[in-house]
């Protein structure tokens, strides 16, 4: 396995409060607006960086949250 491979993670393993924060505190590049929310989240890691990816609750376009050390 190379470092650039995507490693699937279990978003539902996070506690409910943390899940809700990630689902609600979003930025949509398409809508150019914050905190519209996301649905259908998946969590994965690439080269040591963790991402939560879902769909914007307003327009349905992909939204991504990159987790920093402060988030973990």
C-alpha atoms as a PDB file:
ATOM      1  CA  UNK A   1       0.000   0.000   0.000  1.00  0.00           C
ATOM      2  CA  UNK A   2       1.349   3.435  -0.900  1.00  0.00           C
ATOM      3  CA  UNK A   3       1.004   6.581   1.215  1.00  0.00           C
ATOM      4  CA  UNK A   4      -1.399   8.192  -1.284  1.00  0.00           C
ATOM      5  CA  UNK A   5      -4.007   5.436  -0.978  1.00  0.00           C
ATOM      6  CA  UNK A   6      -7.353   6.267   0.559  1.00  0.00           C
ATOM      7  CA  UNK A   7      -8.064   4.498   3.855  1.00  0.00           C
ATOM      8  CA  UNK A   8     -11.754   4.215   4.718  1.00  0.00           C
ATOM      9  CA  UNK A   9     -12.719   5.162   8.301  1.00  0.00           C
ATOM     10  CA  UNK A  10     -15.964   4.730  10.262  1.00  0.00           C
ATOM     11  CA  UNK A  11     -17.671   8.115  10.691  1.00  0.00           C
ATOM     12  CA  UNK A  12     -20.356   6.507  12.862  1.00  0.00           C
ATOM     13  CA  UNK A  13     -17.686   5.466  15.399  1.00  0.00           C
ATOM     14  CA  UNK A  14     -17.508   9.134  16.480  1.00  0.00           C
ATOM     15  CA  UNK A  15     -19.799  10.220  19.295  1.00  0.00           C
ATOM     16  CA  UNK A  16     -23.105  11.759  18.225  1.00  0.00           C
ATOM     17  CA  UNK A  17     -22.192  15.300  19.296  1.00  0.00           C
ATOM     18  CA  UNK A  18     -19.004  15.208  17.236  1.00  0.00           C
ATOM     19  CA  UNK A  19     -20.859  13.775  14.224  1.00  0.00           C
ATOM     20  CA  UNK A  20     -23.458  16.544  14.385  1.00  0.00           C
ATOM     21  CA  UNK A  21     -20.771  19.235  14.580  1.00  0.00           C
ATOM     22  CA  UNK A  22     -19.102  17.912  11.415  1.00  0.00           C
ATOM     23  CA  UNK A  23     -22.453  17.589   9.636  1.00  0.00           C
ATOM     24  CA  UNK A  24     -23.589  21.120  10.490  1.00  0.00           C
ATOM     25  CA  UNK A  25     -20.378  23.192  10.374  1.00  0.00           C
ATOM     26  CA  UNK A  26     -19.690  23.081   6.652  1.00  0.00           C
ATOM     27  CA  UNK A  27     -18.668  25.279   3.743  1.00  0.00           C
ATOM     28  CA  UNK A  28     -20.122  24.716   0.277  1.00  0.00           C
ATOM     29  CA  UNK A  29     -17.977  25.978  -2.593  1.00  0.00           C
ATOM     30  CA  UNK A  30     -20.974  25.844  -4.939  1.00  0.00           C
ATOM     31  CA  UNK A  31     -23.366  27.831  -2.710  1.00  0.00           C
ATOM     32  CA  UNK A  32     -20.528  29.995  -1.345  1.00  0.00           C
ATOM     33  CA  UNK A  33     -22.131  29.741   2.099  1.00  0.00           C
ATOM     34  CA  UNK A  34     -21.278  28.331   5.509  1.00  0.00           C
ATOM     35  CA  UNK A  35     -23.156  25.961   7.769  1.00  0.00           C
ATOM     36  CA  UNK A  36     -25.722  24.723   5.239  1.00  0.00           C
ATOM     37  CA  UNK A  37     -25.082  21.209   6.487  1.00  0.00           C
ATOM     38  CA  UNK A  38     -24.137  17.986   4.743  1.00  0.00           C
ATOM     39  CA  UNK A  39     -25.713  14.574   4.378  1.00  0.00           C
ATOM     40  CA  UNK A  40     -24.423  11.139   3.370  1.00  0.00           C
ATOM     41  CA  UNK A  41     -21.060  11.529   5.152  1.00  0.00           C
ATOM     42  CA  UNK A  42     -18.102   9.267   4.592  1.00  0.00           C
ATOM     43  CA  UNK A  43     -14.801   9.512   6.423  1.00  0.00           C
ATOM     44  CA  UNK A  44     -11.417   8.582   5.033  1.00  0.00           C
ATOM     45  CA  UNK A  45      -7.710   9.260   5.432  1.00  0.00           C
ATOM     46  CA  UNK A  46      -5.176  10.156   2.740  1.00  0.00           C
ATOM     47  CA  UNK A  47      -1.492  10.560   3.575  1.00  0.00           C
ATOM     48  CA  UNK A  48      -2.265  11.046   7.268  1.00  0.00           C
ATOM     49  CA  UNK A  49      -4.989  13.663   6.730  1.00  0.00           C
ATOM     50  CA  UNK A  50      -8.551  12.785   7.718  1.00  0.00           C
ATOM     51  CA  UNK A  51     -11.484  13.998   5.616  1.00  0.00           C
ATOM     52  CA  UNK A  52     -15.248  13.931   6.074  1.00  0.00           C
ATOM     53  CA  UNK A  53     -17.010  14.158   2.710  1.00  0.00           C
ATOM     54  CA  UNK A  54     -20.713  14.477   2.070  1.00  0.00           C
ATOM     55  CA  UNK A  55     -23.318  16.338   0.022  1.00  0.00           C
ATOM     56  CA  UNK A  56     -24.487  19.904   0.644  1.00  0.00           C
ATOM     57  CA  UNK A  57     -27.950  19.901   2.200  1.00  0.00           C
ATOM     58  CA  UNK A  58     -28.968  22.827  -0.033  1.00  0.00           C
ATOM     59  CA  UNK A  59     -27.584  22.067  -3.499  1.00  0.00           C
ATOM     60  CA  UNK A  60     -26.370  18.459  -3.274  1.00  0.00           C
ATOM     61  CA  UNK A  61     -22.837  19.212  -4.465  1.00  0.00           C
ATOM     62  CA  UNK A  62     -19.895  17.548  -2.679  1.00  0.00           C
ATOM     63  CA  UNK A  63     -18.568  19.236   0.468  1.00  0.00           C
ATOM     64  CA  UNK A  64     -15.367  18.298   2.277  1.00  0.00           C
ATOM     65  CA  UNK A  65     -14.099  18.900   5.777  1.00  0.00           C
ATOM     66  CA  UNK A  66     -10.410  18.386   6.444  1.00  0.00           C
ATOM     67  CA  UNK A  67      -9.775  17.539  10.085  1.00  0.00           C
ATOM     68  CA  UNK A  68      -6.915  19.315  11.781  1.00  0.00           C
ATOM     69  CA  UNK A  69      -5.118  18.272  14.948  1.00  0.00           C
ATOM     70  CA  UNK A  70      -7.476  20.617  16.844  1.00  0.00           C
ATOM     71  CA  UNK A  71     -10.511  18.653  15.546  1.00  0.00           C
ATOM     72  CA  UNK A  72      -9.180  15.222  16.483  1.00  0.00           C
END
